[in-house]
Amino acid sequence: MQDKYVSPFQERYSSEKMQYIFSADFKFQTWRRLWIALAEAEKELGINITDEQIAEMRANVQNIDYDFAKAKEREVRHDVMAHVLAFGEVCKKAKPIIHLGATSCYVGDNTEVIVMREALLLIRRELVTLISKVRDFAVEYKGLATLGYTHFQAAQPTTVGKRATLWLQDLLLDLETLDFELGRLKLLGCKGTTGTAASFLELFDGDEDKVKALDRLIANKMGFEKTFDVSGQTYTRKMDANVLRVLAGIAESATKFSNDIRLLSHEKEVEEPFEKGQIGSSAMAYKRNPMRSERMASLARYVIVSSLNPSLTASSQWLERTLDDSANKRISTSEAFLAVDAILALYTNIIGGLNVYPKIIEKNLNRELPFMATENILMYCVKVKGGDRQVLHEAIRRHSFETVKVMKQDGKDNDLLERILNDKTFNLSREELDKILDVKSFTGMAEAQVKDYILSVVDPILENNKNDVIVAEEIKY
């Protein structure tokens, strides 16, 4: 019996890996690693901290008594102090120097940056894996001619693979943006209660160089190159807004893909994976709804809306800090990452098992191709047959209108080509008409563009990131 609310991200959507990054264990162990880094750095800069105290702290990183911490938080109404006390309970010798000179944001803000970095690195691996899958799909179908659409109305043919390069390009732009933001993540460091580092200046007897060195040492120990040059009590919340925009970008790309798959599913040209025992509808047993694409679009919409939260938070911070960021940030940041984790799993699952139906694609293309071929027919009959351009144009216009009329009013097939073939004005043989109708002459450079794009752009990126391609997560439902 489940008598308490359980997040759908936990139960239905997100991977265990992403859930762990945002777990209490990862958070509070990181707090302890930050306290160790602080103690080590302070010791290296001359503060009276012993190796024994640091060794004791290291030995108890994972030894967290959550019941004790919760009881203390109810008592002191302060989560950081509750965990300082919990750490001190198992580190009796180190207890006097834990959190020395620091404010709550030392562990809180620095941990949030570390969590975002770990989450971005996981998203990056999932994104590279997805790019590899879309790349393979584009190569496989690089030459399969298909009806192009503008405004979802029939337009000049393209190829299935060329259409996939449009999905690929969006994902590569997302990877580029992710790498940019990942590369400029900074720790808060040790800045004190209002960002002046006054407590640390006092600790080091007014030695400003040691205060600056403390920041650098902590950053290096936690795997960062830099800390923010200046801050209030917190790091600027614009960093959160920038990171969430990366996630929103991925959500936008996934929605575009989802829309395309859903539209093409309606045309019966493609179909997302459908398990043997899967039920498409509780009422209509024949249905095979594109439910994974729909779920992906639904989650993406959530991410795009959630990405507004850190922007509003960044814009509404007062002076050196206010606490109206905390509850919002705790929810919007974590759940945006959990949602994108689920989105990438869905996208990878769909593209990796997408069913493509060439016969239906050909049928749909042939239904519209006669109209598109009329200009080529006109040019051929003038250039090769010596026909009168104006007379031919009028004949095409008349035959086209009559064809559309019987298609729409009587539901008949497109017989425009038969009409042209039987009209002596054109003087065309079946062989000549078939040559004009060679579909490759209508898809332009589509196939060549796929080959060139994969070879010159996509493959070099995948080669540089080959160690980041992982086994895709199984979707839960």
Protein backbone atom coordinates (compact mmCIF):
# COMPACT_ATOMS: atom_id res chain seq x y z
CA MET A 1 0.00 0.00 0.00
CA GLN A 2 1.33 3.43 -0.97
CA ASP A 3 -0.20 6.04 1.29
CA LYS A 4 2.24 8.86 0.52
CA TYR A 5 2.94 10.89 -2.58
CA VAL A 6 5.73 9.51 -4.75
CA SER A 7 7.21 11.69 -7.48
CA PRO A 8 6.49 10.37 -10.99
CA PHE A 9 10.14 11.09 -11.80
CA GLN A 10 11.16 8.58 -9.16
CA GLU A 11 8.51 5.98 -9.93
CA ARG A 12 8.05 6.20 -13.70
CA TYR A 13 10.49 8.34 -15.62
CA SER A 14 14.03 9.05 -14.45
CA SER A 15 17.06 6.78 -14.29
CA GLU A 16 18.61 5.53 -11.06
CA LYS A 17 21.82 7.36 -11.97
CA MET A 18 20.14 10.75 -12.19
CA GLN A 19 18.06 10.11 -9.11
CA TYR A 20 21.21 9.34 -7.13
CA ILE A 21 22.85 12.61 -8.16
CA PHE A 22 19.94 14.48 -6.57
CA SER A 23 19.68 12.11 -3.59
CA ALA A 24 20.23 12.95 0.06
CA ASP A 25 23.24 10.63 0.12
CA PHE A 26 25.04 12.45 -2.68
CA LYS A 27 24.16 15.84 -1.21
CA PHE A 28 25.23 15.21 2.37
CA GLN A 29 28.32 13.22 1.46
CA THR A 30 29.33 16.17 -0.71
CA TRP A 31 28.79 18.47 2.29
CA ARG A 32 31.22 16.33 4.23
CA ARG A 33 33.77 16.31 1.40
CA LEU A 34 33.54 20.10 1.33
CA TRP A 35 34.16 20.27 5.08
CA ILE A 36 37.20 18.02 4.56
CA ALA A 37 38.46 20.22 1.72
CA LEU A 38 38.02 23.28 3.95
CA ALA A 39 39.91 21.68 6.82
CA GLU A 40 42.71 20.47 4.56
CA ALA A 41 43.10 23.88 2.95
CA GLU A 42 43.04 25.67 6.29
CA LYS A 43 45.69 23.27 7.63
CA GLU A 44 47.89 23.83 4.58
CA LEU A 45 47.64 27.56 5.18
CA GLY A 46 48.75 27.31 8.80
CA ILE A 47 45.63 26.76 10.91
CA ASN A 48 46.11 24.32 13.79
CA ILE A 49 44.29 21.29 12.37
CA THR A 50 45.80 17.82 12.73
CA ASP A 51 46.16 14.98 10.25
CA GLU A 52 44.28 12.83 12.75
CA GLN A 53 41.26 15.12 12.65
CA ILE A 54 41.21 15.10 8.84
CA ALA A 55 41.64 11.31 8.71
CA GLU A 56 38.70 10.93 11.10
CA MET A 57 36.53 13.09 8.84
CA ARG A 58 37.53 11.13 5.74
CA ALA A 59 36.67 7.84 7.44
CA ASN A 60 33.12 9.01 8.16
CA VAL A 61 32.02 10.59 4.88
CA GLN A 62 29.39 7.90 4.32
CA ASN A 63 28.59 7.32 7.98
CA ILE A 64 25.52 9.58 8.12
CA ASP A 65 22.98 9.13 10.88
CA TYR A 66 19.92 10.58 9.16
CA ASP A 67 17.64 10.04 12.15
CA PHE A 68 20.01 12.05 14.37
CA ALA A 69 20.29 14.81 11.74
CA LYS A 70 16.49 15.03 11.35
CA ALA A 71 15.99 15.20 15.10
CA LYS A 72 18.58 17.95 15.38
CA GLU A 73 17.05 19.90 12.50
CA ARG A 74 13.65 19.84 14.23
CA GLU A 75 15.39 21.16 17.32
CA VAL A 76 17.64 23.87 15.81
CA ARG A 77 15.56 24.62 12.67
CA HIS A 78 18.73 24.74 10.55
CA ASP A 79 19.68 21.96 8.14
CA VAL A 80 23.39 22.80 7.89
CA MET A 81 23.90 23.02 11.64
CA ALA A 82 22.01 19.76 12.08
CA HIS A 83 24.50 18.03 9.79
CA VAL A 84 27.48 19.80 11.37
CA LEU A 85 26.33 18.30 14.68
CA ALA A 86 25.70 14.89 13.07
CA PHE A 87 29.20 14.87 11.57
CA GLY A 88 30.66 15.95 14.91
CA GLU A 89 28.95 13.03 16.64
CA VAL A 90 31.02 10.53 14.64
CA CYS A 91 34.13 12.73 14.48
CA LYS A 92 34.79 13.55 18.12
CA LYS A 93 38.35 14.73 17.53
CA ALA A 94 37.46 16.81 14.46
CA LYS A 95 34.28 18.25 15.95
CA PRO A 96 35.86 21.57 17.07
CA ILE A 97 37.11 22.44 13.55
CA ILE A 98 34.24 21.26 11.33
CA HIS A 99 32.80 24.18 9.33
CA LEU A 100 35.49 26.51 10.74
CA GLY A 101 34.92 30.06 9.47
CA ALA A 102 32.25 29.00 6.99
CA THR A 103 28.65 30.03 6.44
CA SER A 104 25.85 27.68 5.40
CA CYS A 105 26.22 28.62 1.75
CA TYR A 106 29.73 27.19 1.80
CA VAL A 107 28.28 23.68 1.77
CA GLY A 108 24.87 24.54 0.32
CA ASP A 109 25.88 26.54 -2.74
CA ASN A 110 29.08 24.66 -3.51
CA THR A 111 27.21 21.37 -3.35
CA GLU A 112 24.54 22.67 -5.71
CA VAL A 113 27.21 23.54 -8.26
CA ILE A 114 28.81 20.12 -7.87
CA VAL A 115 25.43 18.41 -8.26
CA MET A 116 24.67 20.42 -11.42
CA ARG A 117 28.07 19.51 -12.83
CA GLU A 118 27.51 15.79 -12.20
CA ALA A 119 24.02 15.99 -13.66
CA LEU A 120 25.26 17.87 -16.74
CA LEU A 121 27.99 15.27 -17.27
CA LEU A 122 25.38 12.49 -17.19
CA ILE A 123 23.11 14.44 -19.56
CA ARG A 124 26.11 14.95 -21.82
CA ARG A 125 26.80 11.22 -22.04
CA GLU A 126 23.14 10.54 -22.74
CA LEU A 127 23.09 13.28 -25.39
CA VAL A 128 26.21 11.94 -27.14
CA THR A 129 24.66 8.46 -27.11
CA LEU A 130 21.48 9.84 -28.68
CA ILE A 131 23.46 11.73 -31.34
CA SER A 132 25.17 8.45 -32.26
CA LYS A 133 21.76 6.74 -32.68
CA VAL A 134 20.29 9.54 -34.82
CA ARG A 135 23.46 9.55 -36.90
CA ASP A 136 23.03 5.83 -37.67
CA PHE A 137 19.39 6.38 -38.62
CA ALA A 138 20.32 9.25 -40.97
CA VAL A 139 22.96 7.12 -42.69
CA GLU A 140 20.62 4.13 -43.09
CA TYR A 141 17.92 6.20 -44.78
CA LYS A 142 20.08 8.82 -46.49
CA GLY A 143 18.72 7.99 -49.95
CA LEU A 144 15.10 7.02 -49.19
CA ALA A 145 13.04 9.63 -51.00
CA THR A 146 10.05 10.95 -49.12
CA LEU A 147 7.49 13.67 -49.54
CA GLY A 148 8.66 16.95 -48.03
CA TYR A 149 6.23 19.17 -46.18
CA THR A 150 5.95 22.86 -45.58
CA HIS A 151 3.00 23.98 -43.42
CA PHE A 152 2.25 20.23 -43.38
CA GLN A 153 1.28 20.57 -47.02
CA ALA A 154 2.99 18.48 -49.69
CA ALA A 155 6.21 20.10 -50.90
CA GLN A 156 9.33 19.17 -52.82
CA PRO A 157 10.63 15.70 -51.95
CA THR A 158 13.55 15.19 -49.60
CA THR A 159 14.96 11.99 -48.07
CA VAL A 160 14.23 10.39 -44.72
CA GLY A 161 17.91 10.65 -43.85
CA LYS A 162 18.07 14.33 -44.76
CA ARG A 163 15.13 15.01 -42.45
CA ALA A 164 17.04 13.18 -39.68
CA THR A 165 20.00 15.54 -40.13
CA LEU A 166 17.68 18.36 -39.05
CA TRP A 167 17.13 16.50 -35.77
CA LEU A 168 20.87 15.86 -35.54
CA GLN A 169 21.79 19.49 -36.06
CA ASP A 170 19.52 20.58 -33.20
CA LEU A 171 21.13 18.02 -30.88
CA LEU A 172 24.64 19.11 -31.85
CA LEU A 173 23.71 22.70 -31.05
CA ASP A 174 22.47 21.47 -27.66
CA LEU A 175 25.78 19.68 -27.07
CA GLU A 176 27.68 22.83 -27.98
CA THR A 177 25.63 24.91 -25.53
CA LEU A 178 25.99 22.27 -22.82
CA ASP A 179 29.76 22.20 -23.20
CA PHE A 180 29.91 25.99 -23.03
CA GLU A 181 27.97 26.15 -19.77
CA LEU A 182 29.75 23.12 -18.32
CA GLY A 183 33.09 24.74 -19.08
CA ARG A 184 32.29 27.90 -17.18
CA LEU A 185 30.79 26.43 -14.02
CA LYS A 186 32.44 27.89 -10.93
CA LEU A 187 32.28 27.12 -7.26
CA LEU A 188 31.19 29.75 -4.79
CA GLY A 189 34.28 29.03 -2.73
CA CYS A 190 34.67 30.52 0.75
CA LYS A 191 33.20 34.00 0.68
CA GLY A 192 31.62 34.34 4.14
CA THR A 193 28.25 35.68 5.21
CA THR A 194 28.01 38.62 2.79
CA GLY A 195 30.78 37.75 0.35
CA THR A 196 33.47 39.83 2.07
CA ALA A 197 35.37 36.82 3.52
CA ALA A 198 35.58 38.72 6.81
CA SER A 199 35.55 35.55 8.95
CA PHE A 200 38.43 34.04 7.01
CA LEU A 201 40.41 37.27 7.12
CA GLU A 202 40.02 37.12 10.88
CA LEU A 203 41.01 33.43 10.91
CA PHE A 204 44.22 34.20 9.01
CA ASP A 205 45.09 37.29 11.08
CA GLY A 206 44.46 39.73 8.25
CA ASP A 207 46.49 37.86 5.60
CA GLU A 208 44.54 38.54 2.39
CA ASP A 209 46.77 36.30 0.29
CA LYS A 210 45.88 33.30 2.46
CA VAL A 211 42.18 34.09 2.13
CA LYS A 212 42.54 34.10 -1.66
CA ALA A 213 44.64 30.94 -1.55
CA LEU A 214 41.94 29.21 0.51
CA ASP A 215 39.44 29.75 -2.32
CA ARG A 216 41.84 28.32 -4.90
CA LEU A 217 42.76 25.30 -2.79
CA ILE A 218 39.14 24.35 -2.12
CA ALA A 219 38.24 24.70 -5.81
CA ASN A 220 41.14 22.45 -6.84
CA LYS A 221 40.33 19.85 -4.20
CA MET A 222 36.75 19.68 -5.47
CA GLY A 223 37.84 19.42 -9.12
CA PHE A 224 37.19 23.00 -10.24
CA GLU A 225 39.54 25.50 -11.79
CA LYS A 226 37.87 28.63 -10.48
CA THR A 227 35.54 30.14 -7.94
CA PHE A 228 33.43 33.23 -8.52
CA ASP A 229 35.54 36.38 -8.29
CA VAL A 230 32.89 38.17 -6.25
CA SER A 231 29.64 37.16 -4.59
CA GLY A 232 27.12 38.08 -1.97
CA GLN A 233 26.37 35.26 0.43
CA THR A 234 25.47 33.07 -2.56
CA TYR A 235 26.83 32.65 -6.05
CA THR A 236 24.88 34.61 -8.64
CA ARG A 237 21.68 32.79 -9.50
CA LYS A 238 22.21 33.67 -13.15
CA MET A 239 24.35 30.53 -13.32
CA ASP A 240 21.30 28.39 -12.51
CA ALA A 241 19.33 30.22 -15.19
CA ASN A 242 22.08 29.55 -17.75
CA VAL A 243 22.21 25.84 -16.88
CA LEU A 244 18.42 25.44 -17.08
CA ARG A 245 18.47 27.06 -20.52
CA VAL A 246 20.68 24.17 -21.65
CA LEU A 247 18.00 21.75 -20.49
CA ALA A 248 15.25 23.80 -22.12
CA GLY A 249 17.19 23.66 -25.40
CA ILE A 250 17.30 19.86 -25.27
CA ALA A 251 13.58 19.85 -24.49
CA GLU A 252 12.93 22.05 -27.54
CA SER A 253 14.86 19.66 -29.80
CA ALA A 254 13.01 16.66 -28.39
CA THR A 255 9.65 18.34 -28.94
CA LYS A 256 10.49 19.05 -32.58
CA PHE A 257 11.42 15.39 -33.05
CA SER A 258 8.30 14.26 -31.21
CA ASN A 259 6.06 16.39 -33.40
CA ASP A 260 7.65 15.03 -36.56
CA ILE A 261 7.22 11.42 -35.45
CA ARG A 262 3.60 11.98 -34.47
CA LEU A 263 2.78 13.63 -37.80
CA LEU A 264 4.55 10.91 -39.79
CA SER A 265 2.82 8.25 -37.68
CA HIS A 266 -0.50 9.70 -38.79
CA GLU A 267 0.70 9.33 -42.40
CA LYS A 268 1.65 5.71 -41.52
CA GLU A 269 5.20 6.32 -42.79
CA VAL A 270 6.91 5.61 -39.47
CA GLU A 271 5.94 4.02 -36.18
CA GLU A 272 7.64 4.18 -32.81
CA PRO A 273 8.60 0.88 -31.11
CA PHE A 274 5.59 -1.17 -30.05
CA GLU A 275 6.06 -4.14 -27.75
CA LYS A 276 4.42 -7.50 -28.45
CA GLY A 277 1.96 -7.22 -25.57
CA GLN A 278 1.53 -3.45 -25.65
CA ILE A 279 -2.01 -2.06 -25.66
CA GLY A 280 -2.57 1.12 -27.66
CA SER A 281 -6.03 1.94 -26.34
CA SER A 282 -8.30 0.49 -23.67
CA ALA A 283 -11.28 0.99 -25.99
CA MET A 284 -9.92 0.73 -29.53
CA ALA A 285 -7.89 -2.47 -29.65
CA TYR A 286 -6.47 -1.79 -33.13
CA LYS A 287 -4.71 1.45 -32.13
CA ARG A 288 -0.94 1.94 -31.95
CA ASN A 289 -0.68 5.42 -30.49
CA PRO A 290 2.69 7.23 -30.48
CA MET A 291 2.58 7.35 -26.67
CA ARG A 292 6.34 7.58 -26.12
CA SER A 293 6.62 10.58 -28.41
CA GLU A 294 3.65 12.11 -26.63
CA ARG A 295 5.19 11.50 -23.21
CA MET A 296 8.45 13.04 -24.41
CA ALA A 297 6.60 16.15 -25.60
CA SER A 298 4.74 16.35 -22.30
CA LEU A 299 7.93 16.17 -20.22
CA ALA A 300 9.65 18.63 -22.54
CA ARG A 301 6.87 21.14 -22.01
CA TYR A 302 7.42 20.79 -18.26
CA VAL A 303 11.16 21.49 -18.66
CA ILE A 304 10.65 24.53 -20.87
CA VAL A 305 8.27 26.04 -18.31
CA SER A 306 10.56 25.07 -15.39
CA SER A 307 13.49 26.85 -17.01
CA LEU A 308 11.70 30.12 -16.27
CA ASN A 309 12.01 29.56 -12.51
CA PRO A 310 15.75 30.28 -12.11
CA SER A 311 15.45 33.33 -14.36
CA LEU A 312 12.76 34.75 -12.08
CA THR A 313 14.82 33.80 -9.04
CA ALA A 314 17.99 35.43 -10.39
CA SER A 315 16.09 38.63 -11.12
CA SER A 316 14.46 38.85 -7.69
CA GLN A 317 17.41 38.37 -5.33
CA TRP A 318 17.78 41.22 -2.80
CA LEU A 319 21.14 42.79 -2.07
CA GLU A 320 23.56 40.16 -0.69
CA ARG A 321 20.90 37.42 -0.53
CA THR A 322 17.34 36.39 0.21
CA LEU A 323 16.04 32.92 0.95
CA ASP A 324 13.17 32.98 -1.54
CA ASP A 325 15.43 31.10 -3.95
CA SER A 326 15.80 27.99 -1.81
CA ALA A 327 12.50 26.09 -2.00
CA ASN A 328 11.95 27.00 -5.66
CA LYS A 329 15.51 26.07 -6.64
CA ARG A 330 15.33 22.77 -4.76
CA ILE A 331 12.36 21.69 -6.90
CA SER A 332 12.81 23.33 -10.29
CA THR A 333 16.49 22.49 -10.83
CA SER A 334 16.33 18.88 -9.75
CA GLU A 335 13.12 18.07 -11.57
CA ALA A 336 14.25 19.73 -14.79
CA PHE A 337 17.30 17.45 -14.80
CA LEU A 338 15.22 14.40 -13.94
CA ALA A 339 12.81 15.23 -16.77
CA VAL A 340 15.56 15.72 -19.38
CA ASP A 341 17.12 12.44 -18.26
CA ALA A 342 13.77 10.78 -19.03
CA ILE A 343 13.37 12.69 -22.31
CA LEU A 344 16.75 11.53 -23.61
CA ALA A 345 15.95 7.92 -22.69
CA LEU A 346 12.66 8.16 -24.60
CA TYR A 347 14.25 9.84 -27.63
CA THR A 348 17.00 7.20 -27.78
CA ASN A 349 14.47 4.40 -27.42
CA ILE A 350 12.27 5.76 -30.21
CA ILE A 351 14.98 6.51 -32.76
CA GLY A 352 16.75 3.23 -32.00
CA GLY A 353 13.64 1.18 -32.70
CA LEU A 354 11.76 3.39 -35.15
CA ASN A 355 9.88 1.40 -37.78
CA VAL A 356 10.09 2.94 -41.26
CA TYR A 357 7.67 1.85 -43.98
CA PRO A 358 9.22 2.52 -47.42
CA LYS A 359 6.17 1.27 -49.37
CA ILE A 360 3.85 3.74 -47.64
CA ILE A 361 6.42 6.50 -48.07
CA GLU A 362 6.59 5.70 -51.79
CA LYS A 363 2.81 5.58 -52.06
CA ASN A 364 2.41 8.98 -50.42
CA LEU A 365 5.16 10.42 -52.58
CA ASN A 366 3.66 9.05 -55.78
CA ARG A 367 0.30 10.55 -54.88
CA GLU A 368 1.77 14.05 -55.05
CA LEU A 369 4.72 13.60 -57.41
CA PRO A 370 2.76 14.10 -60.65
CA PHE A 371 1.96 17.70 -59.72
CA MET A 372 5.59 18.38 -58.83
CA ALA A 373 6.76 16.79 -62.07
CA THR A 374 4.72 19.10 -64.30
CA GLU A 375 7.44 21.76 -64.51
CA ASN A 376 10.03 19.15 -65.49
CA ILE A 377 7.60 17.76 -68.08
CA LEU A 378 7.00 21.23 -69.45
CA MET A 379 10.73 21.94 -69.79
CA TYR A 380 11.43 18.58 -71.42
CA CYS A 381 8.64 18.95 -73.97
CA VAL A 382 9.82 22.42 -74.96
CA LYS A 383 13.54 21.62 -75.01
CA VAL A 384 13.52 18.12 -76.50
CA LYS A 385 10.17 17.87 -78.29
CA GLY A 386 10.04 21.42 -79.63
CA GLY A 387 6.64 22.10 -78.08
CA ASP A 388 4.99 25.48 -77.53
CA ARG A 389 5.51 26.49 -73.91
CA GLN A 390 2.24 28.41 -73.59
CA VAL A 391 0.15 25.65 -75.15
CA LEU A 392 1.77 23.06 -72.91
CA HIS A 393 1.28 25.21 -69.84
CA GLU A 394 -2.44 25.57 -70.55
CA ALA A 395 -2.78 21.81 -71.09
CA ILE A 396 -1.07 21.10 -67.77
CA ARG A 397 -3.27 23.63 -65.99
CA ARG A 398 -6.43 22.07 -67.41
CA HIS A 399 -5.39 18.47 -66.66
CA SER A 400 -4.25 19.39 -63.14
CA PHE A 401 -7.54 21.05 -62.24
CA GLU A 402 -9.53 18.11 -63.58
CA THR A 403 -7.34 15.65 -61.65
CA VAL A 404 -7.74 17.53 -58.37
CA LYS A 405 -11.47 17.66 -58.91
CA VAL A 406 -11.87 13.89 -59.26
CA MET A 407 -9.47 13.26 -56.37
CA LYS A 408 -11.38 15.52 -53.99
CA GLN A 409 -14.94 14.99 -55.15
CA ASP A 410 -14.83 11.34 -56.18
CA GLY A 411 -11.97 10.08 -54.00
CA LYS A 412 -10.12 8.70 -57.03
CA ASP A 413 -6.36 8.26 -57.43
CA ASN A 414 -4.13 10.84 -59.03
CA ASP A 415 -4.29 10.15 -62.80
CA LEU A 416 -2.56 13.34 -63.99
CA LEU A 417 0.31 11.45 -65.60
CA GLU A 418 -2.04 9.20 -67.56
CA ARG A 419 -3.88 12.29 -68.78
CA ILE A 420 -0.59 13.85 -69.94
CA LEU A 421 0.58 10.61 -71.51
CA ASN A 422 -2.65 10.31 -73.50
CA ASP A 423 -2.58 13.95 -74.61
CA LYS A 424 -0.89 14.23 -78.03
CA THR A 425 0.04 17.84 -77.20
CA PHE A 426 2.91 16.46 -75.12
CA ASN A 427 3.94 13.68 -77.51
CA LEU A 428 5.56 11.69 -74.69
CA SER A 429 6.34 7.98 -74.52
CA ARG A 430 6.10 5.96 -71.30
CA GLU A 431 9.90 5.58 -71.27
CA GLU A 432 10.42 9.33 -71.57
CA LEU A 433 7.91 10.02 -68.80
CA ASP A 434 9.53 7.45 -66.47
CA LYS A 435 12.89 9.10 -67.05
CA ILE A 436 11.48 12.51 -66.19
CA LEU A 437 9.88 11.03 -63.08
CA ASP A 438 13.11 9.56 -61.68
CA VAL A 439 12.63 10.53 -58.05
CA LYS A 440 16.33 11.32 -57.55
CA SER A 441 15.94 14.28 -59.82
CA PHE A 442 13.45 15.73 -57.34
CA THR A 443 15.42 15.27 -54.11
CA GLY A 444 18.28 17.49 -55.20
CA MET A 445 21.38 17.20 -53.04
CA ALA A 446 19.57 15.60 -50.10
CA GLU A 447 21.53 12.33 -50.10
CA ALA A 448 24.83 14.08 -50.75
CA GLN A 449 24.09 16.55 -47.94
CA VAL A 450 23.56 13.67 -45.52
CA LYS A 451 26.87 12.08 -46.49
CA ASP A 452 28.75 15.35 -46.27
CA TYR A 453 27.20 16.41 -42.96
CA ILE A 454 27.86 13.05 -41.31
CA LEU A 455 31.41 12.85 -42.62
CA SER A 456 32.53 16.41 -42.04
CA VAL A 457 30.55 17.41 -38.92
CA VAL A 458 28.95 14.55 -37.00
CA ASP A 459 31.57 11.80 -37.17
CA PRO A 460 34.48 13.99 -35.98
CA ILE A 461 32.41 15.03 -32.94
CA LEU A 462 31.46 11.42 -32.18
CA GLU A 463 35.07 10.31 -32.61
CA ASN A 464 36.19 12.94 -30.09
CA ASN A 465 33.49 11.73 -27.69
CA LYS A 466 33.56 7.98 -28.35
CA ASN A 467 34.24 7.20 -24.70
CA ASP A 468 31.05 9.01 -23.70
CA VAL A 469 28.73 6.73 -25.69
CA ILE A 470 26.94 4.61 -23.09
CA VAL A 471 24.35 1.84 -23.02
CA ALA A 472 21.03 3.65 -23.26
CA GLU A 473 18.72 3.50 -20.26
CA GLU A 474 15.69 1.26 -20.56
CA ILE A 475 12.44 3.20 -20.28
CA LYS A 476 10.27 2.02 -17.40
CA TYR A 477 6.85 2.24 -19.04
